[in-house]
Amino acid sequence: MIMKKVALTGIKPTGILHIGNYFGAIKPALELAKEYDARYFIADYHALNTMKDPKELSATIRQVAAGWLSSGLDPEKVIFYRQSSIPETFELTTILMAFTAKGLMNRAHAYKAAVQENTEKGDDPDGGINMGLFTYPVLMAADILLFDSDVVPVGKDQVQHVEMAQDIAQSLNYNYQGEREFSERQFSRELLRLPRAAVQENVAVVPGLDGRKMSKSYGNVIPLFAPEKELRKLIMRIVTNSQGVDEPKDPDTSQIYLLYKLFATGEEQASLAKRYRQGGMGWGEAKEALFAAANRTLAPIREKFDALMADPKKLDAILEEGAEKARPIAAATVARVRKAAGIDFS
């Protein structure tokens, strides 16, 4: 039997999901389950670096979990768990710290950006920077290496974290295995598997209400689980130009049409594009077409989400069942490393 390679996706709980998240991150990540042994985790300990309100964090964890489940994540076919449910994460993090150069952490993008921001304001370069942020890449490396991950799907801005996980793993592997002859090794494979970053090049860029990329920081999002009336109201707010009803319009430069393409069938797309080009259609009609197509797709997702959020015990049980599947894998990795390090006498 040929074993599938392992793909690991980390999900940071950062608030209400929007349709940009759905098409740009969730759908591509869920596609991995067709080809890989897929594992997904909610990075709740990572979230502590910025989210200090316990009620907000608890609510956000459940919202994100319900969001992914209602969007198609099948916990019977993949492993879905909370980072904080896997105590082996922190044991491996501690061991990895002993093989991580401080200079490597100094080069981490998030830390460098925070230092630069402080410097530009004339503040202490390390002002307001906690050790969670500084050592973030080591915890992420533990997340990845614990589960023998072959592939970690990331955006271009996250490639560095996977490369750091490679560097740390190579340092540990060399220390415990590199100077021995293969026949004398205690292990028949690398102690820690080296992951690679799978950069998602063709991820959909979803336009927001103002035409810029949809982002909470721009305040131009359409929430994934917005009630039907709110969804329609938001779509009607999409910014358009001053072209009149009779004027032909270019569908390829219209954010209404670009959003419509995400929800509509090929036949529907062709039909609406023709209406754009021949004239006689106002922006209001185009927005109504978008609303109809979007609501058709989002209504069942919204219903599943509402049902999950109404039953937090069921939601928590799903995550706990995922943790029960994940922990034996993590425990096996830690056992290998403990034995190699000479701190396991069994």
C-alpha atoms as a PDB file:
ATOM      1  CA  MET A   1       0.000   0.000   0.000  1.00  0.00           C
ATOM      2  CA  ILE A   2       1.399   3.381  -1.022  1.00  0.00           C
ATOM      3  CA  MET A   3       1.198   5.860   1.848  1.00  0.00           C
ATOM      4  CA  LYS A   4      -0.047   9.312   0.999  1.00  0.00           C
ATOM      5  CA  LYS A   5       2.209  12.239   1.746  1.00  0.00           C
ATOM      6  CA  VAL A   6       1.180  14.448   4.644  1.00  0.00           C
ATOM      7  CA  ALA A   7      -0.090  18.013   4.208  1.00  0.00           C
ATOM      8  CA  LEU A   8      -0.462  20.241   7.259  1.00  0.00           C
ATOM      9  CA  THR A   9      -2.521  23.443   7.324  1.00  0.00           C
ATOM     10  CA  GLY A  10      -2.443  25.844  10.269  1.00  0.00           C
ATOM     11  CA  ILE A  11      -5.477  28.055  10.805  1.00  0.00           C
ATOM     12  CA  LYS A  12      -5.002  31.149  12.945  1.00  0.00           C
ATOM     13  CA  PRO A  13      -8.221  32.264  14.675  1.00  0.00           C
ATOM     14  CA  THR A  14      -8.532  35.868  13.584  1.00  0.00           C
ATOM     15  CA  GLY A  15     -12.235  36.653  13.684  1.00  0.00           C
ATOM     16  CA  ILE A  16     -15.226  36.332  11.389  1.00  0.00           C
ATOM     17  CA  LEU A  17     -14.440  34.679   8.059  1.00  0.00           C
ATOM     18  CA  HIS A  18     -15.308  36.451   4.809  1.00  0.00           C
ATOM     19  CA  ILE A  19     -15.710  35.270   1.243  1.00  0.00           C
ATOM     20  CA  GLY A  20     -12.114  36.248   0.472  1.00  0.00           C
ATOM     21  CA  ASN A  21     -11.013  33.703   3.098  1.00  0.00           C
ATOM     22  CA  TYR A  22     -13.359  31.099   1.624  1.00  0.00           C
ATOM     23  CA  PHE A  23     -12.147  31.313  -1.971  1.00  0.00           C
ATOM     24  CA  GLY A  24      -8.562  32.355  -1.233  1.00  0.00           C
ATOM     25  CA  ALA A  25      -7.695  29.999   1.626  1.00  0.00           C
ATOM     26  CA  ILE A  26     -10.366  27.551   2.750  1.00  0.00           C
ATOM     27  CA  LYS A  27     -11.338  25.982  -0.585  1.00  0.00           C
ATOM     28  CA  PRO A  28      -7.728  25.525  -1.804  1.00  0.00           C
ATOM     29  CA  ALA A  29      -6.724  24.035   1.565  1.00  0.00           C
ATOM     30  CA  LEU A  30      -9.612  21.578   1.568  1.00  0.00           C
ATOM     31  CA  GLU A  31      -8.655  20.415  -1.922  1.00  0.00           C
ATOM     32  CA  LEU A  32      -5.482  18.969  -0.378  1.00  0.00           C
ATOM     33  CA  ALA A  33      -7.516  16.151   1.182  1.00  0.00           C
ATOM     34  CA  LYS A  34      -7.984  14.654  -2.295  1.00  0.00           C
ATOM     35  CA  GLU A  35      -4.258  14.066  -2.739  1.00  0.00           C
ATOM     36  CA  TYR A  36      -2.722  14.078   0.735  1.00  0.00           C
ATOM     37  CA  ASP A  37      -3.189  12.713   4.206  1.00  0.00           C
ATOM     38  CA  ALA A  38      -4.446  16.098   5.351  1.00  0.00           C
ATOM     39  CA  ARG A  39      -4.227  17.540   8.849  1.00  0.00           C
ATOM     40  CA  TYR A  40      -5.675  20.909   9.880  1.00  0.00           C
ATOM     41  CA  PHE A  41      -5.167  22.646  13.203  1.00  0.00           C
ATOM     42  CA  ILE A  42      -6.412  25.813  14.837  1.00  0.00           C
ATOM     43  CA  ALA A  43      -3.362  27.742  16.031  1.00  0.00           C
ATOM     44  CA  ASP A  44      -4.874  29.041  19.251  1.00  0.00           C
ATOM     45  CA  TYR A  45      -1.556  29.397  21.107  1.00  0.00           C
ATOM     46  CA  HIS A  46      -0.192  31.505  18.267  1.00  0.00           C
ATOM     47  CA  ALA A  47      -3.247  33.737  18.648  1.00  0.00           C
ATOM     48  CA  LEU A  48      -2.284  34.541  22.260  1.00  0.00           C
ATOM     49  CA  ASN A  49       0.452  36.855  20.977  1.00  0.00           C
ATOM     50  CA  THR A  50      -2.157  39.368  19.883  1.00  0.00           C
ATOM     51  CA  MET A  51      -5.492  38.279  21.368  1.00  0.00           C
ATOM     52  CA  LYS A  52      -5.563  38.760  25.147  1.00  0.00           C
ATOM     53  CA  ASP A  53      -9.316  38.692  25.837  1.00  0.00           C
ATOM     54  CA  PRO A  54     -10.241  35.106  26.856  1.00  0.00           C
ATOM     55  CA  LYS A  55     -13.901  35.411  25.861  1.00  0.00           C
ATOM     56  CA  GLU A  56     -12.964  36.799  22.456  1.00  0.00           C
ATOM     57  CA  LEU A  57     -10.423  34.028  21.870  1.00  0.00           C
ATOM     58  CA  SER A  58     -12.833  31.239  22.898  1.00  0.00           C
ATOM     59  CA  ALA A  59     -15.550  32.627  20.652  1.00  0.00           C
ATOM     60  CA  THR A  60     -13.167  33.075  17.737  1.00  0.00           C
ATOM     61  CA  ILE A  61     -11.819  29.519  18.016  1.00  0.00           C
ATOM     62  CA  ARG A  62     -15.345  28.130  17.769  1.00  0.00           C
ATOM     63  CA  GLN A  63     -16.303  30.482  14.939  1.00  0.00           C
ATOM     64  CA  VAL A  64     -13.281  29.451  12.895  1.00  0.00           C
ATOM     65  CA  ALA A  65     -13.837  25.749  13.594  1.00  0.00           C
ATOM     66  CA  ALA A  66     -17.505  26.005  12.628  1.00  0.00           C
ATOM     67  CA  GLY A  67     -16.544  28.020   9.566  1.00  0.00           C
ATOM     68  CA  TRP A  68     -14.187  25.384   8.198  1.00  0.00           C
ATOM     69  CA  LEU A  69     -16.535  22.525   9.027  1.00  0.00           C
ATOM     70  CA  SER A  70     -19.489  24.204   7.352  1.00  0.00           C
ATOM     71  CA  SER A  71     -17.301  25.008   4.328  1.00  0.00           C
ATOM     72  CA  GLY A  72     -16.638  21.334   3.655  1.00  0.00           C
ATOM     73  CA  LEU A  73     -13.964  20.060   6.045  1.00  0.00           C
ATOM     74  CA  ASP A  74     -14.886  16.444   6.827  1.00  0.00           C
ATOM     75  CA  PRO A  75     -13.507  15.392  10.249  1.00  0.00           C
ATOM     76  CA  GLU A  76     -14.075  11.736   9.321  1.00  0.00           C
ATOM     77  CA  LYS A  77     -11.611  11.987   6.432  1.00  0.00           C
ATOM     78  CA  VAL A  78      -8.992  14.375   7.823  1.00  0.00           C
ATOM     79  CA  ILE A  79      -7.527  15.219  11.222  1.00  0.00           C
ATOM     80  CA  PHE A  80      -8.848  18.491  12.670  1.00  0.00           C
ATOM     81  CA  TYR A  81      -7.671  19.637  16.076  1.00  0.00           C
ATOM     82  CA  ARG A  82      -6.700  22.552  18.283  1.00  0.00           C
ATOM     83  CA  GLN A  83      -2.991  23.224  18.739  1.00  0.00           C
ATOM     84  CA  SER A  84      -3.483  23.584  22.497  1.00  0.00           C
ATOM     85  CA  SER A  85      -4.893  20.032  22.712  1.00  0.00           C
ATOM     86  CA  ILE A  86      -1.505  18.565  21.764  1.00  0.00           C
ATOM     87  CA  PRO A  87       0.878  18.956  24.761  1.00  0.00           C
ATOM     88  CA  GLU A  88       3.667  17.298  22.772  1.00  0.00           C
ATOM     89  CA  THR A  89       3.832  20.534  20.782  1.00  0.00           C
ATOM     90  CA  PHE A  90       5.429  22.292  23.706  1.00  0.00           C
ATOM     91  CA  GLU A  91       7.838  19.495  24.585  1.00  0.00           C
ATOM     92  CA  LEU A  92       9.144  19.484  21.029  1.00  0.00           C
ATOM     93  CA  THR A  93       9.278  23.298  21.030  1.00  0.00           C
ATOM     94  CA  THR A  94      11.537  23.211  24.099  1.00  0.00           C
ATOM     95  CA  ILE A  95      13.876  20.710  22.451  1.00  0.00           C
ATOM     96  CA  LEU A  96      13.940  22.668  19.195  1.00  0.00           C
ATOM     97  CA  MET A  97      14.907  25.830  21.095  1.00  0.00           C
ATOM     98  CA  ALA A  98      18.248  24.153  21.886  1.00  0.00           C
ATOM     99  CA  PHE A  99      18.949  23.875  18.159  1.00  0.00           C
ATOM    100  CA  THR A 100      17.686  27.312  17.081  1.00  0.00           C
ATOM    101  CA  ALA A 101      20.125  30.189  16.670  1.00  0.00           C
ATOM    102  CA  LYS A 102      19.002  33.528  18.051  1.00  0.00           C
ATOM    103  CA  GLY A 103      20.275  35.096  14.829  1.00  0.00           C
ATOM    104  CA  LEU A 104      17.736  33.020  12.904  1.00  0.00           C
ATOM    105  CA  MET A 105      14.944  34.444  15.042  1.00  0.00           C
ATOM    106  CA  ASN A 106      16.312  37.965  14.532  1.00  0.00           C
ATOM    107  CA  ARG A 107      15.666  37.508  10.809  1.00  0.00           C
ATOM    108  CA  ALA A 108      12.016  36.477  11.156  1.00  0.00           C
ATOM    109  CA  HIS A 109       9.795  38.792   9.133  1.00  0.00           C
ATOM    110  CA  ALA A 110       7.254  39.501  11.896  1.00  0.00           C
ATOM    111  CA  TYR A 111       9.950  40.363  14.445  1.00  0.00           C
ATOM    112  CA  LYS A 112      11.882  42.539  11.987  1.00  0.00           C
ATOM    113  CA  ALA A 113       8.702  44.390  11.035  1.00  0.00           C
ATOM    114  CA  ALA A 114       7.882  45.086  14.689  1.00  0.00           C
ATOM    115  CA  VAL A 115      11.427  46.336  15.363  1.00  0.00           C
ATOM    116  CA  GLN A 116      11.310  48.569  12.293  1.00  0.00           C
ATOM    117  CA  GLU A 117       7.969  50.053  13.340  1.00  0.00           C
ATOM    118  CA  ASN A 118       9.341  50.827  16.820  1.00  0.00           C
ATOM    119  CA  THR A 119      12.498  52.343  15.370  1.00  0.00           C
ATOM    120  CA  GLU A 120      10.550  54.589  13.005  1.00  0.00           C
ATOM    121  CA  LYS A 121       8.532  55.874  15.950  1.00  0.00           C
ATOM    122  CA  GLY A 122      11.702  56.507  17.971  1.00  0.00           C
ATOM    123  CA  ASP A 123      10.789  53.868  20.550  1.00  0.00           C
ATOM    124  CA  ASP A 124      12.887  51.082  22.085  1.00  0.00           C
ATOM    125  CA  PRO A 125      13.418  48.641  19.176  1.00  0.00           C
ATOM    126  CA  ASP A 126      12.043  45.754  21.275  1.00  0.00           C
ATOM    127  CA  GLY A 127       9.273  47.780  22.894  1.00  0.00           C
ATOM    128  CA  GLY A 128       6.020  45.830  23.204  1.00  0.00           C
ATOM    129  CA  ILE A 129       7.502  42.699  21.596  1.00  0.00           C
ATOM    130  CA  ASN A 130       6.800  39.577  23.624  1.00  0.00           C
ATOM    131  CA  MET A 131       8.757  36.333  23.518  1.00  0.00           C
ATOM    132  CA  GLY A 132       5.777  34.640  21.903  1.00  0.00           C
ATOM    133  CA  LEU A 133       6.254  36.809  18.841  1.00  0.00           C
ATOM    134  CA  PHE A 134      10.047  36.428  18.894  1.00  0.00           C
ATOM    135  CA  THR A 135       9.948  32.625  19.133  1.00  0.00           C
ATOM    136  CA  TYR A 136       6.855  32.234  16.927  1.00  0.00           C
ATOM    137  CA  PRO A 137       8.855  30.408  14.205  1.00  0.00           C
ATOM    138  CA  VAL A 138      10.046  27.739  16.672  1.00  0.00           C
ATOM    139  CA  LEU A 139       6.515  26.954  17.818  1.00  0.00           C
ATOM    140  CA  MET A 140       5.450  26.830  14.181  1.00  0.00           C
ATOM    141  CA  ALA A 141       8.346  24.482  13.432  1.00  0.00           C
ATOM    142  CA  ALA A 142       7.122  22.190  16.206  1.00  0.00           C
ATOM    143  CA  ASP A 143       3.606  22.255  14.757  1.00  0.00           C
ATOM    144  CA  ILE A 144       4.994  21.167  11.397  1.00  0.00           C
ATOM    145  CA  LEU A 145       7.653  18.676  12.466  1.00  0.00           C
ATOM    146  CA  LEU A 146       5.493  16.847  15.014  1.00  0.00           C
ATOM    147  CA  PHE A 147       3.297  15.431  12.287  1.00  0.00           C
ATOM    148  CA  ASP A 148       5.932  14.304   9.761  1.00  0.00           C
ATOM    149  CA  SER A 149       4.603  16.913   7.366  1.00  0.00           C
ATOM    150  CA  ASP A 150       5.770  16.652   3.768  1.00  0.00           C
ATOM    151  CA  VAL A 151       3.934  19.714   2.503  1.00  0.00           C
ATOM    152  CA  VAL A 152       2.832  22.938   4.176  1.00  0.00           C
ATOM    153  CA  PRO A 153       0.618  25.090   1.930  1.00  0.00           C
ATOM    154  CA  VAL A 154       1.430  28.749   2.530  1.00  0.00           C
ATOM    155  CA  GLY A 155       1.302  32.132   0.907  1.00  0.00           C
ATOM    156  CA  LYS A 156       4.564  33.731  -0.223  1.00  0.00           C
ATOM    157  CA  ASP A 157       4.797  35.726   3.007  1.00  0.00           C
ATOM    158  CA  GLN A 158       4.852  32.504   5.060  1.00  0.00           C
ATOM    159  CA  VAL A 159       7.515  30.585   3.141  1.00  0.00           C
ATOM    160  CA  GLN A 160      10.190  31.791   5.555  1.00  0.00           C
ATOM    161  CA  HIS A 161       8.542  29.920   8.447  1.00  0.00           C
ATOM    162  CA  VAL A 162       8.704  26.611   6.586  1.00  0.00           C
ATOM    163  CA  GLU A 163      12.318  27.275   5.615  1.00  0.00           C
ATOM    164  CA  MET A 164      13.126  27.941   9.278  1.00  0.00           C
ATOM    165  CA  ALA A 165      11.460  24.653  10.234  1.00  0.00           C
ATOM    166  CA  GLN A 166      13.741  22.956   7.679  1.00  0.00           C
ATOM    167  CA  ASP A 167      16.839  24.649   9.118  1.00  0.00           C
ATOM    168  CA  ILE A 168      15.977  23.717  12.708  1.00  0.00           C
ATOM    169  CA  ALA A 169      15.147  20.113  11.770  1.00  0.00           C
ATOM    170  CA  GLN A 170      18.381  19.753   9.798  1.00  0.00           C
ATOM    171  CA  SER A 171      20.372  21.033  12.775  1.00  0.00           C
ATOM    172  CA  LEU A 172      18.778  18.493  15.100  1.00  0.00           C
ATOM    173  CA  ASN A 173      19.015  15.651  12.578  1.00  0.00           C
ATOM    174  CA  TYR A 174      22.704  16.306  11.954  1.00  0.00           C
ATOM    175  CA  ASN A 175      23.521  16.468  15.646  1.00  0.00           C
ATOM    176  CA  TYR A 176      21.954  13.093  16.402  1.00  0.00           C
ATOM    177  CA  GLN A 177      22.414  11.283  13.100  1.00  0.00           C
ATOM    178  CA  GLY A 178      24.863  13.083  10.841  1.00  0.00           C
ATOM    179  CA  GLU A 179      28.144  11.653  12.100  1.00  0.00           C
ATOM    180  CA  ARG A 180      27.099   8.019  12.276  1.00  0.00           C
ATOM    181  CA  GLU A 181      27.324   5.394   9.607  1.00  0.00           C
ATOM    182  CA  PHE A 182      23.901   4.413   8.331  1.00  0.00           C
ATOM    183  CA  SER A 183      24.254   0.878   9.728  1.00  0.00           C
ATOM    184  CA  GLU A 184      24.956   2.243  13.202  1.00  0.00           C
ATOM    185  CA  ARG A 185      22.023   4.631  13.354  1.00  0.00           C
ATOM    186  CA  GLN A 186      19.212   4.058  15.795  1.00  0.00           C
ATOM    187  CA  PHE A 187      16.758   5.242  13.162  1.00  0.00           C
ATOM    188  CA  SER A 188      15.957   3.935   9.733  1.00  0.00           C
ATOM    189  CA  ARG A 189      14.930   7.386   8.509  1.00  0.00           C
ATOM    190  CA  GLU A 190      15.538  11.016   9.285  1.00  0.00           C
ATOM    191  CA  LEU A 191      14.728  11.806  12.877  1.00  0.00           C
ATOM    192  CA  LEU A 192      12.587  14.758  11.824  1.00  0.00           C
ATOM    193  CA  ARG A 193      11.122  14.829   8.334  1.00  0.00           C
ATOM    194  CA  LEU A 194      12.048  17.910   6.340  1.00  0.00           C
ATOM    195  CA  PRO A 195       8.937  19.750   5.120  1.00  0.00           C
ATOM    196  CA  ARG A 196       8.628  21.848   2.013  1.00  0.00           C
ATOM    197  CA  ALA A 197       6.511  24.901   1.394  1.00  0.00           C
ATOM    198  CA  ALA A 198       3.810  24.546  -1.236  1.00  0.00           C
ATOM    199  CA  VAL A 199       3.287  28.112  -2.387  1.00  0.00           C
ATOM    200  CA  GLN A 200      -0.268  28.682  -3.506  1.00  0.00           C
ATOM    201  CA  GLU A 201       0.366  30.601  -6.720  1.00  0.00           C
ATOM    202  CA  ASN A 202      -3.122  30.508  -8.213  1.00  0.00           C
ATOM    203  CA  VAL A 203      -5.153  31.477  -5.183  1.00  0.00           C
ATOM    204  CA  ALA A 204      -8.167  33.597  -6.075  1.00  0.00           C
ATOM    205  CA  VAL A 205      -7.758  37.304  -5.327  1.00  0.00           C
ATOM    206  CA  VAL A 206     -11.227  38.342  -4.241  1.00  0.00           C
ATOM    207  CA  PRO A 207     -12.153  42.018  -4.706  1.00  0.00           C
ATOM    208  CA  GLY A 208     -13.816  43.820  -1.827  1.00  0.00           C
ATOM    209  CA  LEU A 209     -16.706  46.272  -1.796  1.00  0.00           C
ATOM    210  CA  ASP A 210     -14.395  49.115  -2.878  1.00  0.00           C
ATOM    211  CA  GLY A 211     -12.505  47.202  -5.574  1.00  0.00           C
ATOM    212  CA  ARG A 212      -9.370  46.636  -3.512  1.00  0.00           C
ATOM    213  CA  LYS A 213      -8.460  43.153  -2.311  1.00  0.00           C
ATOM    214  CA  MET A 214     -11.022  41.999   0.236  1.00  0.00           C
ATOM    215  CA  SER A 215      -9.493  42.467   3.681  1.00  0.00           C
ATOM    216  CA  LYS A 216     -10.698  43.183   7.200  1.00  0.00           C
ATOM    217  CA  SER A 217      -7.983  45.844   7.439  1.00  0.00           C
ATOM    218  CA  TYR A 218      -9.690  47.728   4.587  1.00  0.00           C
ATOM    219  CA  GLY A 219     -13.174  47.282   6.021  1.00  0.00           C
ATOM    220  CA  ASN A 220     -14.422  46.118   2.621  1.00  0.00           C
ATOM    221  CA  VAL A 221     -15.423  42.526   3.337  1.00  0.00           C
ATOM    222  CA  ILE A 222     -18.530  40.433   2.780  1.00  0.00           C
ATOM    223  CA  PRO A 223     -18.805  38.068   5.783  1.00  0.00           C
ATOM    224  CA  LEU A 224     -19.096  34.438   4.738  1.00  0.00           C
ATOM    225  CA  PHE A 225     -22.043  33.823   7.063  1.00  0.00           C
ATOM    226  CA  ALA A 226     -23.892  37.121   6.681  1.00  0.00           C
ATOM    227  CA  PRO A 227     -27.695  36.693   6.887  1.00  0.00           C
ATOM    228  CA  GLU A 228     -29.474  36.939   3.568  1.00  0.00           C
ATOM    229  CA  LYS A 229     -30.683  40.517   4.080  1.00  0.00           C
ATOM    230  CA  GLU A 230     -27.244  41.692   5.180  1.00  0.00           C
ATOM    231  CA  LEU A 231     -25.623  39.898   2.240  1.00  0.00           C
ATOM    232  CA  ARG A 232     -27.883  41.711  -0.225  1.00  0.00           C
ATOM    233  CA  LYS A 233     -27.330  45.055   1.504  1.00  0.00           C
ATOM    234  CA  LEU A 234     -23.553  44.662   1.315  1.00  0.00           C
ATOM    235  CA  ILE A 235     -23.602  43.648  -2.337  1.00  0.00           C
ATOM    236  CA  MET A 236     -25.692  46.704  -3.162  1.00  0.00           C
ATOM    237  CA  ARG A 237     -22.915  48.841  -1.606  1.00  0.00           C
ATOM    238  CA  ILE A 238     -20.272  47.677  -4.111  1.00  0.00           C
ATOM    239  CA  VAL A 239     -18.626  50.715  -5.658  1.00  0.00           C
ATOM    240  CA  THR A 240     -19.240  51.177  -9.402  1.00  0.00           C
ATOM    241  CA  ASN A 241     -18.388  53.771 -12.027  1.00  0.00           C
ATOM    242  CA  SER A 242     -20.752  56.328 -13.584  1.00  0.00           C
ATOM    243  CA  GLN A 243     -21.639  54.387 -16.740  1.00  0.00           C
ATOM    244  CA  GLY A 244     -25.333  54.588 -17.585  1.00  0.00           C
ATOM    245  CA  VAL A 245     -27.753  51.748 -18.240  1.00  0.00           C
ATOM    246  CA  ASP A 246     -27.483  51.927 -22.041  1.00  0.00           C
ATOM    247  CA  GLU A 247     -23.684  51.965 -22.199  1.00  0.00           C
ATOM    248  CA  PRO A 248     -21.819  48.714 -22.935  1.00  0.00           C
ATOM    249  CA  LYS A 249     -19.623  47.652 -20.036  1.00  0.00           C
ATOM    250  CA  ASP A 250     -16.464  45.560 -19.732  1.00  0.00           C
ATOM    251  CA  PRO A 251     -17.126  42.587 -17.434  1.00  0.00           C
ATOM    252  CA  ASP A 252     -13.419  41.935 -16.955  1.00  0.00           C
ATOM    253  CA  THR A 253     -12.902  45.282 -15.205  1.00  0.00           C
ATOM    254  CA  SER A 254     -16.018  45.062 -13.025  1.00  0.00           C
ATOM    255  CA  GLN A 255     -15.599  43.791  -9.462  1.00  0.00           C
ATOM    256  CA  ILE A 256     -19.264  42.811  -9.554  1.00  0.00           C
ATOM    257  CA  TYR A 257     -18.578  40.424 -12.425  1.00  0.00           C
ATOM    258  CA  LEU A 258     -15.319  39.179 -10.871  1.00  0.00           C
ATOM    259  CA  LEU A 259     -17.251  38.255  -7.734  1.00  0.00           C
ATOM    260  CA  TYR A 260     -20.060  36.750  -9.829  1.00  0.00           C
ATOM    261  CA  LYS A 261     -17.565  34.404 -11.517  1.00  0.00           C
ATOM    262  CA  LEU A 262     -16.741  32.865  -8.134  1.00  0.00           C
ATOM    263  CA  PHE A 263     -20.325  31.705  -7.647  1.00  0.00           C
ATOM    264  CA  ALA A 264     -21.823  31.248 -11.122  1.00  0.00           C
ATOM    265  CA  THR A 265     -21.656  28.367 -13.590  1.00  0.00           C
ATOM    266  CA  GLY A 266     -19.737  28.784 -16.837  1.00  0.00           C
ATOM    267  CA  GLU A 267     -22.988  29.204 -18.740  1.00  0.00           C
ATOM    268  CA  GLU A 268     -24.200  31.862 -16.324  1.00  0.00           C
ATOM    269  CA  GLN A 269     -20.906  33.716 -16.581  1.00  0.00           C
ATOM    270  CA  ALA A 270     -21.072  33.798 -20.373  1.00  0.00           C
ATOM    271  CA  SER A 271     -24.675  34.996 -20.308  1.00  0.00           C
ATOM    272  CA  LEU A 272     -24.002  37.867 -17.913  1.00  0.00           C
ATOM    273  CA  ALA A 273     -20.822  38.873 -19.763  1.00  0.00           C
ATOM    274  CA  LYS A 274     -22.896  39.173 -22.929  1.00  0.00           C
ATOM    275  CA  ARG A 275     -25.401  41.401 -21.113  1.00  0.00           C
ATOM    276  CA  TYR A 276     -22.521  43.616 -19.975  1.00  0.00           C
ATOM    277  CA  ARG A 277     -21.124  44.039 -23.459  1.00  0.00           C
ATOM    278  CA  GLN A 278     -24.352  44.663 -25.347  1.00  0.00           C
ATOM    279  CA  GLY A 279     -25.542  47.459 -23.064  1.00  0.00           C
ATOM    280  CA  GLY A 280     -29.009  47.950 -21.602  1.00  0.00           C
ATOM    281  CA  MET A 281     -28.075  46.659 -18.140  1.00  0.00           C
ATOM    282  CA  GLY A 282     -27.528  48.892 -15.133  1.00  0.00           C
ATOM    283  CA  TRP A 283     -25.296  48.226 -12.158  1.00  0.00           C
ATOM    284  CA  GLY A 284     -28.312  47.482  -9.992  1.00  0.00           C
ATOM    285  CA  GLU A 285     -29.300  44.562 -12.220  1.00  0.00           C
ATOM    286  CA  ALA A 286     -25.721  43.241 -12.177  1.00  0.00           C
ATOM    287  CA  LYS A 287     -25.683  43.404  -8.382  1.00  0.00           C
ATOM    288  CA  GLU A 288     -28.984  41.513  -8.179  1.00  0.00           C
ATOM    289  CA  ALA A 289     -27.506  38.767 -10.364  1.00  0.00           C
ATOM    290  CA  LEU A 290     -24.481  38.599  -8.069  1.00  0.00           C
ATOM    291  CA  PHE A 291     -26.659  38.407  -4.974  1.00  0.00           C
ATOM    292  CA  ALA A 292     -28.751  35.566  -6.404  1.00  0.00           C
ATOM    293  CA  ALA A 293     -25.671  33.500  -7.321  1.00  0.00           C
ATOM    294  CA  ALA A 294     -23.860  34.245  -4.055  1.00  0.00           C
ATOM    295  CA  ASN A 295     -26.839  33.465  -1.849  1.00  0.00           C
ATOM    296  CA  ARG A 296     -27.431  30.193  -3.684  1.00  0.00           C
ATOM    297  CA  THR A 297     -23.910  29.067  -2.729  1.00  0.00           C
ATOM    298  CA  LEU A 298     -23.693  30.614   0.718  1.00  0.00           C
ATOM    299  CA  ALA A 299     -27.153  29.757   2.103  1.00  0.00           C
ATOM    300  CA  PRO A 300     -26.393  26.063   2.846  1.00  0.00           C
ATOM    301  CA  ILE A 301     -22.982  26.963   4.278  1.00  0.00           C
ATOM    302  CA  ARG A 302     -24.616  29.601   6.467  1.00  0.00           C
ATOM    303  CA  GLU A 303     -27.213  27.111   7.723  1.00  0.00           C
ATOM    304  CA  LYS A 304     -24.531  24.583   8.707  1.00  0.00           C
ATOM    305  CA  PHE A 305     -22.520  27.280  10.443  1.00  0.00           C
ATOM    306  CA  ASP A 306     -25.514  28.511  12.446  1.00  0.00           C
ATOM    307  CA  ALA A 307     -26.347  24.945  13.506  1.00  0.00           C
ATOM    308  CA  LEU A 308     -22.778  24.279  14.674  1.00  0.00           C
ATOM    309  CA  MET A 309     -22.563  27.556  16.584  1.00  0.00           C
ATOM    310  CA  ALA A 310     -25.846  26.716  18.290  1.00  0.00           C
ATOM    311  CA  ASP A 311     -24.347  23.449  19.594  1.00  0.00           C
ATOM    312  CA  PRO A 312     -20.919  24.300  21.082  1.00  0.00           C
ATOM    313  CA  LYS A 313     -20.652  20.931  22.845  1.00  0.00           C
ATOM    314  CA  LYS A 314     -20.868  19.129  19.517  1.00  0.00           C
ATOM    315  CA  LEU A 315     -18.301  21.500  18.044  1.00  0.00           C
ATOM    316  CA  ASP A 316     -15.912  20.947  20.947  1.00  0.00           C
ATOM    317  CA  ALA A 317     -16.397  17.175  20.681  1.00  0.00           C
ATOM    318  CA  ILE A 318     -15.404  17.227  16.997  1.00  0.00           C
ATOM    319  CA  LEU A 319     -12.176  19.050  17.844  1.00  0.00           C
ATOM    320  CA  GLU A 320     -11.461  16.709  20.753  1.00  0.00           C
ATOM    321  CA  GLU A 321     -11.958  13.656  18.531  1.00  0.00           C
ATOM    322  CA  GLY A 322      -9.467  15.177  16.127  1.00  0.00           C
ATOM    323  CA  ALA A 323      -6.986  15.675  18.952  1.00  0.00           C
ATOM    324  CA  GLU A 324      -7.340  12.020  19.925  1.00  0.00           C
ATOM    325  CA  LYS A 325      -6.296  11.063  16.389  1.00  0.00           C
ATOM    326  CA  ALA A 326      -3.450  13.568  16.359  1.00  0.00           C
ATOM    327  CA  ARG A 327      -1.831  12.851  19.714  1.00  0.00           C
ATOM    328  CA  PRO A 328      -0.459   9.341  18.944  1.00  0.00           C
ATOM    329  CA  ILE A 329       1.325  10.766  15.891  1.00  0.00           C
ATOM    330  CA  ALA A 330       2.783  13.615  17.935  1.00  0.00           C
ATOM    331  CA  ALA A 331       3.733  11.290  20.795  1.00  0.00           C
ATOM    332  CA  ALA A 332       5.638   8.997  18.423  1.00  0.00           C
ATOM    333  CA  THR A 333       7.674  11.936  17.094  1.00  0.00           C
ATOM    334  CA  VAL A 334       8.532  13.162  20.590  1.00  0.00           C
ATOM    335  CA  ALA A 335       9.481   9.630  21.659  1.00  0.00           C
ATOM    336  CA  ARG A 336      11.965   9.389  18.766  1.00  0.00           C
ATOM    337  CA  VAL A 337      13.497  12.726  19.636  1.00  0.00           C
ATOM    338  CA  ARG A 338      13.694  11.991  23.379  1.00  0.00           C
ATOM    339  CA  LYS A 339      15.452   8.701  22.667  1.00  0.00           C
ATOM    340  CA  ALA A 340      17.880  10.360  20.294  1.00  0.00           C
ATOM    341  CA  ALA A 341      18.618  13.110  22.788  1.00  0.00           C
ATOM    342  CA  GLY A 342      19.400  10.646  25.581  1.00  0.00           C
ATOM    343  CA  ILE A 343      16.575  11.731  27.885  1.00  0.00           C
ATOM    344  CA  ASP A 344      14.460   8.605  27.484  1.00  0.00           C
ATOM    345  CA  PHE A 345      15.850   5.581  29.340  1.00  0.00           C
ATOM    346  CA  SER A 346      13.078   3.177  28.399  1.00  0.00           C
END
